[in-house]
Amino acid sequence: MTLQRLVRVKGRSLATLALVAVATVFATGTVASAAPAKLPKSGIETPPSATLTETGSTLLYPLWNIWAPAYQQKYHQINLTTGGTGSGTGIADAASGTVNIGSSDAYLSPSVKQATPSLLNIPLAISYQVIAYNIPGVHANLNLNGGILAAIYSGSITNWNSPTIAHLNPRVKLPSLPIVALHRSDGSGDTFIFTQYLSDQVSSWAKGPGFGTTISFPTISNALGENGNGGMVSGCQATPGCIAYVGVSFLTQALGDGLGYAALGNGVGQYVLPSPTSAAIEAAGFTKATPANGTISMINGKIKGGYPIINYEYAIVNQHQSSIGFARAVRSLLEWAVNANYGNSNTYLSQVRFVPLPAPVVAQSLKQILTIK
């Protein structure tokens, strides 16, 4: 994805935050088998002076822009640069050592883990995705499911008044309007979780094109590619008839632009609207199944009342930082981010409609964080 914005926030006070355009680049180190760090009683290590860099998920980017000044108000010795570049770039930057932290809506693929075994994917929060649309005159929340969405994105459903869509929405007067399917042009965790949902509900989609941060969407006449969540919202707003998958941190923008959004069919056949409550219900069904390394799909669970497209938002971090000082600074930032009294409180998360991590997942994230050296 193209770089939307690179913001360097000085660690002073909210009233004196400065924006600058310099990013600091760090290479990964070769520290090997030291014992894990230990948390102080406060739950957050005091960091040394450092400049840290983060790039990645445009879905997580608005939260980083809330977290950064709050963390730096507590720890003035830290400068934090954040960038909304897309999950694919965030993963690649963390793997190459270009940044200290990459952000991703998608967990690491086996090929990336094989190439860089020291990479961690650390859950930071729970997010979810909305299916937005621009249908002039239609303000209702439509019922949609994976079968309909796969048919739209493969070109077999082309109009909004399709009998298949109308069958699920008998009380809505749907216009004879061509559907324009928007997809991400950049490497995107949103594409990853959206196409996971299609793959889980539609076997033919699972066989190809499948799912990933970048896939070859079927070639259809009414399709547009956009960069970033902001591009998906603005592109849909400018295109009557559009449908788009959008990270929930951009739902306020989508609603402000007059877009509607759908209730989605879940794994038990219910049609559920996206909300912090329905996302939390879905996530609760996956808490015990979440492994120590945080790698899990939480798509389309068979959970009554659960919204079917949710995910962990991940910090992608090399376990081996270039110095002990940088390792301490990264640990402190991530400890603060997952702490229920700080970054994982609703004071911050509710501003982007995210859901806090369950306590067992926080404990697992901390165990990973403490291995950063």
Foldseek 3Di string as FASTA:
>chain_A
DAWPDKFKFALAAPVDTDTDDDADFFAFADDDDDDFDDADPVLFFQAAQDEFEEEAALLCQVLCVVLQRQVSPVHRSYMYMYIYAAHVVLLVCQQGRRGFWYKALADDDPVSCVVAVQKFWFFQFKWFKWKKAAAPPDADAFEDELVVVLCCQQVVDFFQVPPVRCVRVVPTDGDRHTAAEEDAPDQHNLQQLSQVRNVVVPVVVCVPPRGGSDTDTHDDDRYYHFHHLVRQLVVRLVDHNYIYMHILLCVVVNVVSVIHTHFYQALQGDGEDDALVQQVQLVVVCLVVQDLRRHDASARDNTPSHRGRMGGITIIGRLGTRDPSVLSVQLSSSSQSLDCVHNQDCVSQVNSRIHHDPPSSSVSSNVSSSSRD
